[in-house]
N, C-alpha and C. Protein backbone atom coordinates (compact mmCIF):
# COMPACT_ATOMS: atom_id res chain seq x y z
N UNK A 1 75.83 -18.22 -18.37
CA UNK A 1 75.16 -17.49 -17.92
C UNK A 1 73.63 -17.10 -18.52
N UNK A 2 73.86 -16.74 -19.71
CA UNK A 2 72.43 -16.38 -20.56
C UNK A 2 71.61 -17.67 -20.17
N UNK A 3 71.91 -18.65 -20.49
CA UNK A 3 71.37 -19.97 -20.43
C UNK A 3 70.74 -20.26 -19.68
N UNK A 4 71.53 -20.05 -18.28
CA UNK A 4 71.07 -20.20 -16.96
C UNK A 4 69.65 -19.13 -16.88
N UNK A 5 70.15 -17.97 -17.44
CA UNK A 5 68.98 -16.88 -16.99
C UNK A 5 67.58 -16.94 -17.67
N UNK A 6 67.92 -17.88 -19.11
CA UNK A 6 66.77 -18.01 -20.17
C UNK A 6 66.21 -19.14 -19.21
N UNK A 7 66.47 -20.19 -18.78
CA UNK A 7 65.98 -21.19 -18.31
C UNK A 7 65.13 -20.88 -17.07
N UNK A 8 65.97 -19.83 -16.09
CA UNK A 8 65.17 -19.58 -15.04
C UNK A 8 64.04 -18.81 -15.64
N UNK A 9 63.79 -17.88 -16.46
CA UNK A 9 62.67 -17.10 -17.09
C UNK A 9 61.86 -18.25 -17.57
N UNK A 10 62.44 -18.78 -18.23
CA UNK A 10 61.27 -19.98 -19.00
C UNK A 10 60.68 -20.32 -17.75
N UNK A 11 61.10 -21.50 -16.84
CA UNK A 11 60.67 -22.07 -15.43
C UNK A 11 59.53 -20.79 -15.08
N UNK A 12 59.93 -20.08 -14.94
CA UNK A 12 59.18 -18.86 -14.04
C UNK A 12 57.77 -18.51 -14.78
N UNK A 13 58.21 -18.35 -16.19
CA UNK A 13 57.03 -18.14 -17.26
C UNK A 13 55.81 -19.57 -16.84
N UNK A 14 56.54 -20.47 -16.88
CA UNK A 14 55.54 -21.48 -16.86
C UNK A 14 54.86 -21.60 -15.29
N UNK A 15 55.39 -21.45 -14.36
CA UNK A 15 55.02 -21.50 -13.30
C UNK A 15 53.94 -20.47 -13.32
N UNK A 16 54.49 -19.46 -14.01
CA UNK A 16 52.94 -18.13 -13.81
C UNK A 16 51.63 -18.99 -14.83
N UNK A 17 51.90 -19.15 -15.53
CA UNK A 17 51.13 -19.91 -16.49
C UNK A 17 50.13 -21.02 -16.01
N UNK A 18 50.95 -21.56 -15.05
CA UNK A 18 50.10 -22.67 -15.00
C UNK A 18 49.20 -22.36 -13.54
N UNK A 19 49.70 -21.48 -12.95
CA UNK A 19 48.93 -20.74 -11.65
C UNK A 19 48.00 -20.13 -12.19
N UNK A 20 47.80 -19.75 -13.20
CA UNK A 20 46.42 -18.81 -14.04
C UNK A 20 45.57 -19.83 -14.55
N UNK A 21 45.86 -20.77 -15.05
CA UNK A 21 45.14 -21.77 -15.24
C UNK A 21 44.51 -22.39 -13.68
N UNK A 22 45.20 -22.80 -13.27
CA UNK A 22 44.56 -23.45 -11.68
C UNK A 22 43.49 -22.32 -10.94
N UNK A 23 43.92 -21.06 -11.46
CA UNK A 23 43.09 -20.05 -10.30
C UNK A 23 41.62 -20.17 -11.53
N UNK A 24 41.96 -20.52 -12.52
CA UNK A 24 40.67 -20.18 -13.61
C UNK A 24 39.75 -21.34 -13.25
N UNK A 25 40.43 -22.56 -13.10
CA UNK A 25 39.86 -23.41 -12.60
C UNK A 25 39.34 -23.75 -11.63
N UNK A 26 39.74 -23.20 -10.34
CA UNK A 26 39.42 -22.96 -9.32
C UNK A 26 37.93 -21.98 -9.56
N UNK A 27 38.00 -21.24 -10.26
CA UNK A 27 36.70 -20.03 -10.13
C UNK A 27 35.96 -20.53 -10.88
N UNK A 28 35.69 -21.70 -11.75
CA UNK A 28 34.72 -22.29 -12.51
C UNK A 28 33.60 -22.69 -11.69
N UNK A 29 32.18 -22.68 -12.26
CA UNK A 29 31.48 -22.94 -11.58
C UNK A 29 31.28 -24.72 -11.26
N UNK A 30 30.86 -25.42 -9.93
CA UNK A 30 31.37 -26.45 -9.77
C UNK A 30 29.97 -27.01 -9.65
N UNK A 31 28.73 -26.57 -9.42
CA UNK A 31 27.52 -27.08 -9.40
C UNK A 31 26.51 -26.41 -10.17
N UNK A 32 25.41 -27.04 -10.56
CA UNK A 32 24.45 -26.48 -11.48
C UNK A 32 23.37 -25.70 -10.82
N UNK A 33 22.75 -24.57 -11.95
CA UNK A 33 22.67 -23.44 -10.99
C UNK A 33 20.56 -24.11 -10.50
N UNK A 34 20.88 -23.16 -9.43
CA UNK A 34 19.39 -23.79 -8.66
C UNK A 34 18.31 -23.12 -9.76
N UNK A 35 16.95 -24.19 -9.81
CA UNK A 35 15.90 -23.85 -10.50
C UNK A 35 15.10 -23.26 -8.96
N UNK A 36 14.25 -21.95 -9.69
CA UNK A 36 13.81 -21.37 -8.54
C UNK A 36 12.20 -21.18 -9.21
N UNK A 37 11.24 -20.79 -7.86
CA UNK A 37 9.84 -20.61 -8.58
C UNK A 37 9.74 -19.06 -7.32
N UNK A 38 9.22 -18.28 -8.20
CA UNK A 38 9.06 -16.91 -7.39
C UNK A 38 7.54 -16.46 -7.19
N UNK A 39 7.04 -16.40 -6.18
CA UNK A 39 5.53 -15.96 -6.04
C UNK A 39 5.54 -14.97 -5.19
N UNK A 40 4.11 -14.19 -5.06
CA UNK A 40 3.84 -13.16 -4.44
C UNK A 40 2.88 -13.47 -3.07
N UNK A 41 3.07 -13.15 -2.29
CA UNK A 41 1.91 -14.00 -0.89
C UNK A 41 1.31 -12.71 -0.43
N UNK A 42 -0.18 -12.68 -1.00
CA UNK A 42 -1.15 -11.73 -0.20
C UNK A 42 -2.24 -11.70 0.75
N UNK A 43 -2.14 -11.14 1.88
CA UNK A 43 -3.19 -11.57 2.88
C UNK A 43 -3.81 -10.02 3.38
N UNK A 44 -5.21 -10.13 3.91
CA UNK A 44 -5.74 -9.14 4.57
C UNK A 44 -6.40 -9.54 5.62
N UNK A 45 -5.96 -8.58 6.65
CA UNK A 45 -7.06 -8.85 8.26
C UNK A 45 -7.78 -7.86 8.42
N UNK A 46 -8.86 -7.86 9.41
CA UNK A 46 -9.42 -6.19 9.76
C UNK A 46 -8.57 -5.66 10.87
N UNK A 47 -8.76 -4.32 10.94
CA UNK A 47 -8.24 -3.46 11.59
C UNK A 47 -9.05 -2.70 12.15
N UNK A 48 -8.90 -2.50 13.68
CA UNK A 48 -9.71 -1.60 14.31
C UNK A 48 -9.59 -0.01 13.79
N UNK A 49 -10.49 0.50 13.70
CA UNK A 49 -10.11 2.15 13.79
C UNK A 49 -9.59 2.64 14.64
N UNK A 50 -8.57 3.44 14.61
CA UNK A 50 -7.92 4.10 15.83
C UNK A 50 -7.00 3.20 16.62
N UNK A 51 -6.35 2.43 15.86
CA UNK A 51 -5.60 1.25 16.64
C UNK A 51 -4.25 1.98 16.89
N UNK A 52 -3.76 1.43 18.10
CA UNK A 52 -2.17 1.87 18.63
C UNK A 52 -1.53 1.40 17.61
N UNK A 53 -0.34 1.94 17.33
CA UNK A 53 0.92 1.00 16.76
C UNK A 53 1.26 -0.15 16.79
N UNK A 54 1.54 -0.32 18.42
CA UNK A 54 1.64 -1.78 18.57
C UNK A 54 0.64 -2.79 18.02
N UNK A 55 -0.73 -2.65 18.29
CA UNK A 55 -1.74 -3.16 17.94
C UNK A 55 -1.78 -3.33 16.31
N UNK A 56 -1.85 -2.39 15.71
CA UNK A 56 -1.49 -2.28 14.05
C UNK A 56 -0.25 -3.07 13.80
N UNK A 57 0.67 -3.03 14.29
CA UNK A 57 1.73 -3.80 13.79
C UNK A 57 1.55 -4.96 14.30
N UNK A 58 0.89 -5.67 15.31
CA UNK A 58 0.53 -7.12 15.68
C UNK A 58 -0.16 -7.61 14.54
N UNK A 59 -1.14 -6.80 13.92
CA UNK A 59 -2.04 -7.26 13.09
C UNK A 59 -1.23 -7.56 11.63
N UNK A 60 -0.26 -6.61 11.53
CA UNK A 60 0.52 -6.66 10.21
C UNK A 60 1.50 -7.70 10.04
N UNK A 61 1.66 -7.82 11.53
CA UNK A 61 2.69 -9.53 11.51
C UNK A 61 1.88 -10.76 10.95
N UNK A 62 0.17 -10.71 11.49
CA UNK A 62 -0.06 -11.29 11.62
C UNK A 62 -0.70 -11.84 9.90
N UNK A 63 -0.65 -10.55 9.25
CA UNK A 63 -0.86 -10.34 7.92
C UNK A 63 0.04 -11.02 7.00
N UNK A 64 1.03 -10.87 7.50
CA UNK A 64 2.48 -11.02 6.91
C UNK A 64 2.48 -12.53 7.04
N UNK A 65 2.19 -13.28 7.88
CA UNK A 65 2.41 -14.68 8.33
C UNK A 65 1.47 -15.50 7.33
N UNK A 66 0.16 -14.86 7.51
CA UNK A 66 -0.95 -15.34 6.40
C UNK A 66 -0.42 -15.08 4.81
N UNK A 67 0.22 -13.90 4.63
CA UNK A 67 0.84 -13.99 3.38
C UNK A 67 1.91 -15.21 2.77
N UNK A 68 2.67 -15.33 3.59
CA UNK A 68 3.87 -16.45 3.40
C UNK A 68 3.09 -17.43 3.05
N UNK A 69 1.97 -18.07 4.05
CA UNK A 69 1.15 -19.32 3.88
C UNK A 69 0.75 -19.43 2.52
N UNK A 70 0.00 -18.19 1.94
CA UNK A 70 -0.89 -17.60 0.79
C UNK A 70 0.45 -18.00 -0.36
N UNK A 71 2.10 -17.29 -0.22
CA UNK A 71 2.61 -17.67 -1.46
C UNK A 71 3.03 -19.43 -1.38
N UNK A 72 3.22 -19.84 -0.06
CA UNK A 72 3.61 -21.09 -0.26
C UNK A 72 2.52 -22.03 -1.04
N UNK A 73 1.23 -21.46 -0.92
CA UNK A 73 0.17 -22.25 -1.43
C UNK A 73 0.36 -22.17 -2.75
N UNK A 74 0.62 -20.80 -3.27
CA UNK A 74 0.75 -20.58 -4.37
C UNK A 74 2.15 -21.48 -5.39
N UNK A 75 3.22 -21.43 -4.70
CA UNK A 75 4.21 -22.20 -5.15
C UNK A 75 4.21 -23.88 -5.30
N UNK A 76 3.51 -24.36 -4.52
CA UNK A 76 2.89 -25.68 -4.30
C UNK A 76 2.34 -25.71 -5.50
N UNK A 77 1.42 -25.49 -5.90
CA UNK A 77 0.34 -25.29 -6.77
C UNK A 77 1.47 -25.19 -8.14
N UNK A 78 1.72 -24.36 -8.39
CA UNK A 78 2.83 -24.18 -9.58
C UNK A 78 3.47 -25.26 -9.66
N UNK A 79 4.47 -25.58 -9.07
CA UNK A 79 5.22 -26.54 -8.83
C UNK A 79 4.46 -28.27 -9.13
N UNK A 80 3.32 -28.35 -8.61
CA UNK A 80 2.78 -29.75 -8.82
C UNK A 80 2.50 -29.47 -10.23
N UNK A 81 1.76 -28.57 -11.02
CA UNK A 81 1.01 -28.36 -12.54
C UNK A 81 2.49 -28.62 -13.34
N UNK A 82 4.07 -28.08 -12.68
CA UNK A 82 4.82 -28.54 -13.62
C UNK A 82 5.39 -29.90 -13.59
N UNK A 83 4.98 -30.58 -12.52
CA UNK A 83 5.80 -31.83 -12.18
C UNK A 83 6.98 -31.89 -11.52
N UNK A 84 7.45 -30.60 -11.00
CA UNK A 84 8.69 -30.29 -10.08
C UNK A 84 7.93 -30.65 -8.66
N UNK A 85 9.15 -30.55 -8.07
CA UNK A 85 9.04 -30.51 -6.32
C UNK A 85 9.43 -29.17 -5.86
N UNK A 86 8.79 -28.77 -4.77
CA UNK A 86 9.00 -27.71 -4.03
C UNK A 86 10.13 -27.96 -3.14
N UNK A 87 11.24 -26.89 -3.19
CA UNK A 87 12.12 -27.54 -2.19
C UNK A 87 12.31 -25.80 -1.15
N UNK A 88 13.46 -25.63 -0.37
CA UNK A 88 13.48 -24.86 0.60
C UNK A 88 13.45 -23.30 -0.27
N UNK A 89 13.11 -22.46 0.61
CA UNK A 89 12.53 -20.71 0.68
C UNK A 89 14.18 -20.61 0.20
N UNK A 90 14.68 -19.96 -0.67
CA UNK A 90 15.60 -19.20 -1.11
C UNK A 90 15.78 -17.96 -0.85
N UNK A 91 14.71 -17.25 -0.81
CA UNK A 91 14.48 -15.33 -0.44
C UNK A 91 13.23 -15.10 -0.02
N UNK A 92 13.00 -14.29 0.88
CA UNK A 92 11.86 -13.79 1.41
C UNK A 92 12.16 -12.26 1.28
N UNK A 93 11.22 -11.31 0.81
CA UNK A 93 11.39 -10.00 0.65
C UNK A 93 10.05 -9.55 1.05
N UNK A 94 9.58 -8.51 1.89
CA UNK A 94 8.76 -8.01 2.68
C UNK A 94 8.29 -6.76 1.79
N UNK A 95 7.32 -6.86 1.17
CA UNK A 95 6.90 -6.09 0.08
C UNK A 95 5.96 -4.75 0.77
N UNK A 96 5.52 -4.81 1.98
CA UNK A 96 4.85 -3.69 2.66
C UNK A 96 3.47 -3.88 2.85
N UNK A 97 2.53 -2.96 2.67
CA UNK A 97 1.28 -3.57 3.30
C UNK A 97 0.56 -1.95 3.21
N UNK A 98 -0.82 -1.81 3.57
CA UNK A 98 -1.65 -0.78 3.08
C UNK A 98 -2.93 -0.60 4.39
N UNK A 99 -3.55 0.12 4.41
CA UNK A 99 -4.95 -0.14 5.15
C UNK A 99 -5.81 0.81 4.54
N UNK A 100 -6.91 0.18 4.29
CA UNK A 100 -8.23 0.82 3.78
C UNK A 100 -9.22 0.74 4.34
N UNK A 101 -9.81 1.51 4.67
CA UNK A 101 -11.49 1.84 5.91
C UNK A 101 -12.65 2.24 5.00
N UNK A 102 -13.71 1.71 5.08
CA UNK A 102 -14.44 2.02 4.17
C UNK A 102 -15.88 2.62 5.34
N UNK A 103 -17.04 3.33 4.95
CA UNK A 103 -18.12 4.10 5.39
C UNK A 103 -18.95 2.90 5.71
N UNK A 104 -20.04 3.20 6.46
CA UNK A 104 -21.17 2.44 6.55
C UNK A 104 -21.69 1.67 5.53
N UNK A 105 -21.75 2.63 4.18
CA UNK A 105 -21.71 2.09 2.99
C UNK A 105 -20.44 1.53 2.24
N UNK A 106 -20.77 0.54 1.61
CA UNK A 106 -19.25 -0.18 1.57
C UNK A 106 -18.57 1.13 0.32
N UNK A 107 -19.20 1.64 -0.62
CA UNK A 107 -18.86 2.72 -1.61
C UNK A 107 -18.09 3.70 -1.23
N UNK A 108 -18.32 3.90 0.24
CA UNK A 108 -17.77 5.18 1.04
C UNK A 108 -16.36 5.28 1.72
N UNK A 109 -15.43 5.99 1.21
CA UNK A 109 -13.92 5.62 2.09
C UNK A 109 -14.08 6.45 3.17
N UNK A 110 -13.63 6.09 4.21
CA UNK A 110 -13.27 6.50 5.59
C UNK A 110 -11.58 6.33 5.52
N UNK A 111 -11.21 7.55 6.22
CA UNK A 111 -10.01 7.48 6.41
C UNK A 111 -9.38 6.86 7.77
N UNK A 112 -8.44 6.15 7.53
CA UNK A 112 -7.82 5.39 9.06
C UNK A 112 -7.35 6.33 9.73
N UNK A 113 -7.50 6.49 11.04
CA UNK A 113 -7.53 7.65 12.28
C UNK A 113 -6.31 7.18 13.05
N UNK A 114 -6.05 5.84 13.22
CA UNK A 114 -5.26 5.51 14.02
C UNK A 114 -3.81 5.20 13.79
N UNK A 115 -2.89 4.62 14.47
CA UNK A 115 -1.35 4.97 14.22
C UNK A 115 -0.95 4.02 13.50
N UNK A 116 -0.04 4.25 12.36
CA UNK A 116 0.49 3.45 11.30
C UNK A 116 1.19 2.14 11.88
N UNK A 117 1.24 1.03 11.62
CA UNK A 117 1.96 -0.03 12.08
C UNK A 117 3.25 -0.21 11.05
N UNK A 118 3.94 -0.71 11.73
CA UNK A 118 5.56 -0.86 11.28
C UNK A 118 5.44 -1.72 9.68
N UNK A 119 4.86 -0.51 8.80
CA UNK A 119 5.31 -1.30 7.64
C UNK A 119 6.62 -1.45 7.09
N UNK A 120 6.86 -2.33 6.67
CA UNK A 120 8.38 -2.37 6.03
C UNK A 120 8.07 -2.38 4.39
N UNK A 121 9.42 -2.36 3.85
CA UNK A 121 9.08 -2.36 2.16
C UNK A 121 10.50 -2.46 1.54
N UNK A 122 11.03 -3.50 1.85
CA UNK A 122 12.19 -3.85 1.09
C UNK A 122 13.08 -3.17 -0.11
N UNK A 123 13.68 -2.47 -0.14
CA UNK A 123 14.24 -1.84 -1.75
C UNK A 123 15.73 -2.32 -2.12
N UNK A 124 16.16 -2.35 -3.31
CA UNK A 124 17.50 -2.18 -3.61
C UNK A 124 17.53 -4.14 -3.86
N UNK A 125 16.56 -4.83 -4.01
CA UNK A 125 16.80 -6.21 -4.00
C UNK A 125 17.32 -6.83 -5.12
N UNK A 126 18.26 -7.28 -5.48
CA UNK A 126 19.25 -7.89 -6.33
C UNK A 126 19.39 -9.25 -6.14
N UNK A 127 18.88 -10.08 -7.26
CA UNK A 127 19.21 -11.76 -7.08
C UNK A 127 18.49 -12.22 -5.68
N UNK A 128 17.64 -11.76 -5.24
CA UNK A 128 17.02 -12.40 -4.09
C UNK A 128 17.87 -11.71 -2.89
N UNK A 129 18.84 -10.55 -2.63
CA UNK A 129 19.60 -10.57 -1.30
C UNK A 129 19.28 -9.26 -1.34
N UNK A 130 18.52 -8.34 -0.73
CA UNK A 130 18.73 -6.95 -0.23
C UNK A 130 19.71 -5.87 0.05
N UNK A 131 19.99 -5.24 -0.40
CA UNK A 131 21.26 -4.60 -0.52
C UNK A 131 21.29 -4.06 1.01
N UNK A 132 22.45 -3.71 1.92
CA UNK A 132 22.48 -3.22 3.03
C UNK A 132 22.14 -1.61 2.63
N UNK A 133 21.94 -1.32 3.92
CA UNK A 133 21.86 0.36 3.83
C UNK A 133 20.70 1.00 2.82
N UNK A 134 19.87 0.23 2.22
CA UNK A 134 18.54 0.49 1.22
C UNK A 134 17.55 1.05 2.32
N UNK A 135 17.42 2.21 2.18
CA UNK A 135 16.19 2.99 2.90
C UNK A 135 14.52 2.74 2.49
N UNK A 136 13.52 2.52 3.05
CA UNK A 136 12.19 2.68 2.18
C UNK A 136 11.71 3.89 2.35
N UNK A 137 11.31 4.35 1.32
CA UNK A 137 10.59 5.54 1.37
C UNK A 137 9.54 5.84 2.42
N UNK A 138 9.47 6.79 3.12
CA UNK A 138 8.95 7.25 4.33
C UNK A 138 7.42 8.21 3.53
N UNK A 139 6.62 7.11 3.39
CA UNK A 139 4.92 8.08 2.89
C UNK A 139 4.26 7.13 3.65
N UNK A 140 3.31 8.00 3.61
CA UNK A 140 1.48 7.72 4.25
C UNK A 140 1.52 6.32 3.26
N UNK A 141 1.03 5.25 4.20
CA UNK A 141 0.21 4.12 3.38
C UNK A 141 -1.01 4.09 3.46
N UNK A 142 -1.91 5.10 3.90
CA UNK A 142 -3.23 5.35 3.87
C UNK A 142 -3.44 5.53 2.64
N UNK A 143 -4.52 5.10 2.06
CA UNK A 143 -5.07 5.22 0.62
C UNK A 143 -5.39 6.41 0.29
N UNK A 144 -5.18 7.16 -0.58
CA UNK A 144 -6.11 8.71 -0.66
C UNK A 144 -7.13 8.46 -0.95
N UNK A 145 -7.78 9.53 -0.52
CA UNK A 145 -9.43 9.40 -0.90
C UNK A 145 -9.72 9.51 -2.41
N UNK A 146 -10.73 9.00 -3.00
CA UNK A 146 -11.01 9.10 -4.38
C UNK A 146 -11.69 10.26 -4.64
N UNK A 147 -11.77 10.50 -5.82
CA UNK A 147 -12.51 11.84 -6.29
C UNK A 147 -13.70 11.46 -6.17
N UNK A 148 -14.73 12.95 -5.73
CA UNK A 148 -15.95 12.77 -5.31
C UNK A 148 -16.97 13.03 -6.53
N UNK A 149 -17.86 12.10 -6.48
CA UNK A 149 -18.61 12.49 -7.93
C UNK A 149 -19.54 13.23 -7.56
N UNK A 150 -20.01 14.46 -8.47
CA UNK A 150 -20.73 15.18 -8.54
C UNK A 150 -22.05 15.01 -8.27
N UNK A 151 -23.24 14.92 -7.57
CA UNK A 151 -24.70 14.37 -7.62
C UNK A 151 -25.30 15.68 -7.78
N UNK A 152 -26.82 15.31 -8.04
CA UNK A 152 -27.53 16.27 -8.45
C UNK A 152 -27.83 17.19 -6.91
N UNK A 153 -28.08 16.05 -5.76
CA UNK A 153 -28.71 16.97 -4.61
C UNK A 153 -27.52 16.59 -3.88
N UNK A 154 -27.05 17.45 -3.06
CA UNK A 154 -26.15 17.86 -2.23
C UNK A 154 -26.59 17.02 -1.09
N UNK A 155 -25.43 16.28 -0.30
CA UNK A 155 -25.88 15.58 1.08
C UNK A 155 -25.17 16.28 2.23
N UNK A 156 -25.51 16.65 3.43
CA UNK A 156 -24.62 16.76 4.74
C UNK A 156 -23.52 15.94 4.70
N UNK A 157 -22.61 16.13 5.10
CA UNK A 157 -21.16 15.69 4.99
C UNK A 157 -20.97 15.56 6.48
N UNK A 158 -21.83 15.98 7.10
CA UNK A 158 -21.49 15.87 8.88
C UNK A 158 -21.79 14.54 9.18
N UNK A 159 -20.96 13.99 10.37
CA UNK A 159 -21.09 12.91 10.75
C UNK A 159 -20.53 11.20 9.82
N UNK A 160 -19.97 12.13 8.42
CA UNK A 160 -19.52 11.20 7.36
C UNK A 160 -18.14 10.51 7.91
N UNK A 161 -17.41 11.23 8.85
CA UNK A 161 -16.10 10.51 9.21
C UNK A 161 -15.99 9.61 10.15
N UNK A 162 -17.07 9.98 11.11
CA UNK A 162 -17.47 9.45 12.55
C UNK A 162 -17.98 7.94 12.19
N UNK A 163 -18.71 7.65 10.90
CA UNK A 163 -19.55 6.45 10.58
C UNK A 163 -18.59 5.40 9.61
N UNK A 164 -18.04 4.57 10.43
CA UNK A 164 -16.89 3.52 9.50
C UNK A 164 -17.57 2.16 9.76
N UNK A 165 -17.21 1.86 7.96
CA UNK A 165 -17.51 0.44 8.50
C UNK A 165 -16.38 -0.65 8.93
N UNK A 166 -15.32 -0.34 8.44
CA UNK A 166 -14.30 -1.24 8.87
C UNK A 166 -13.49 -0.85 8.36
N UNK A 167 -11.86 -1.18 8.87
CA UNK A 167 -10.93 -1.09 7.85
C UNK A 167 -10.27 -2.51 7.86
N UNK A 168 -9.47 -2.48 6.80
CA UNK A 168 -8.89 -3.79 6.36
C UNK A 168 -7.20 -3.25 6.25
N UNK A 169 -6.37 -4.14 6.62
CA UNK A 169 -4.83 -3.93 6.32
C UNK A 169 -4.32 -5.10 5.64
N UNK A 170 -3.56 -4.86 4.26
CA UNK A 170 -3.16 -5.82 3.44
C UNK A 170 -1.64 -5.83 3.82
N UNK A 171 -0.94 -7.32 3.72
CA UNK A 171 0.36 -7.38 3.52
C UNK A 171 0.43 -8.40 2.24
N UNK A 172 2.02 -7.69 1.67
CA UNK A 172 2.45 -8.65 0.87
C UNK A 172 4.31 -8.90 1.03
N UNK A 173 4.28 -10.25 0.69
CA UNK A 173 5.91 -10.78 0.85
C UNK A 173 5.88 -11.43 -0.79
N UNK A 174 7.34 -11.54 -1.15
CA UNK A 174 7.40 -11.97 -2.33
C UNK A 174 8.58 -13.23 -1.47
N UNK A 175 8.31 -14.24 -2.40
CA UNK A 175 8.82 -15.31 -2.11
C UNK A 175 9.45 -16.28 -3.19
N UNK A 176 11.03 -16.79 -2.96
CA UNK A 176 11.36 -17.39 -3.99
C UNK A 176 11.88 -19.06 -3.30
N UNK A 177 11.42 -20.17 -4.19
CA UNK A 177 11.63 -21.66 -3.52
C UNK A 177 12.55 -22.35 -4.70
N UNK A 178 13.24 -23.08 -4.09
CA UNK A 178 13.58 -23.73 -5.15
C UNK A 178 12.94 -24.78 -5.38
N UNK A 179 13.06 -25.65 -6.54
CA UNK A 179 12.27 -26.33 -7.44
C UNK A 179 13.34 -27.59 -7.94
N UNK A 180 12.90 -28.59 -7.83
CA UNK A 180 13.61 -29.80 -8.42
C UNK A 180 12.85 -30.82 -9.27
């Protein structure tokens, strides 16, 4: 009886050990890791002062599309310089944007008076994936007014805010492409 029990326990131990080896070999990586090139695409589009939220969002989306094209161009340049071939997009990350307005004189700052577009900013990115539930910080994306330099002769500030030269909306996206 002891011999039979020892035989059963030995067979059971062998089966458990074989099972663990099978699991370990099944979890081993079977493919080579993908090589990637990561780039940031940037684009700027004109935006009318006082735009509605829907108009500003439409311009932002045009800028994001142009930023993707800029990123692809950068990735193609880098891979061509290294002798690699550009593959498919592995990840895309929205990096948000900003609005900057200038006065009639290009060195003057003018505040954007329109509604903010649907600026996004993916946070919590890990290895090309965005974590669910990560919230973007809610801040004003209009650039802060630069410090005013003191001048010997003070000029009247009346009418300064009403004279706007133009606004520019910038968008940024991060892209990762497979390379071969």
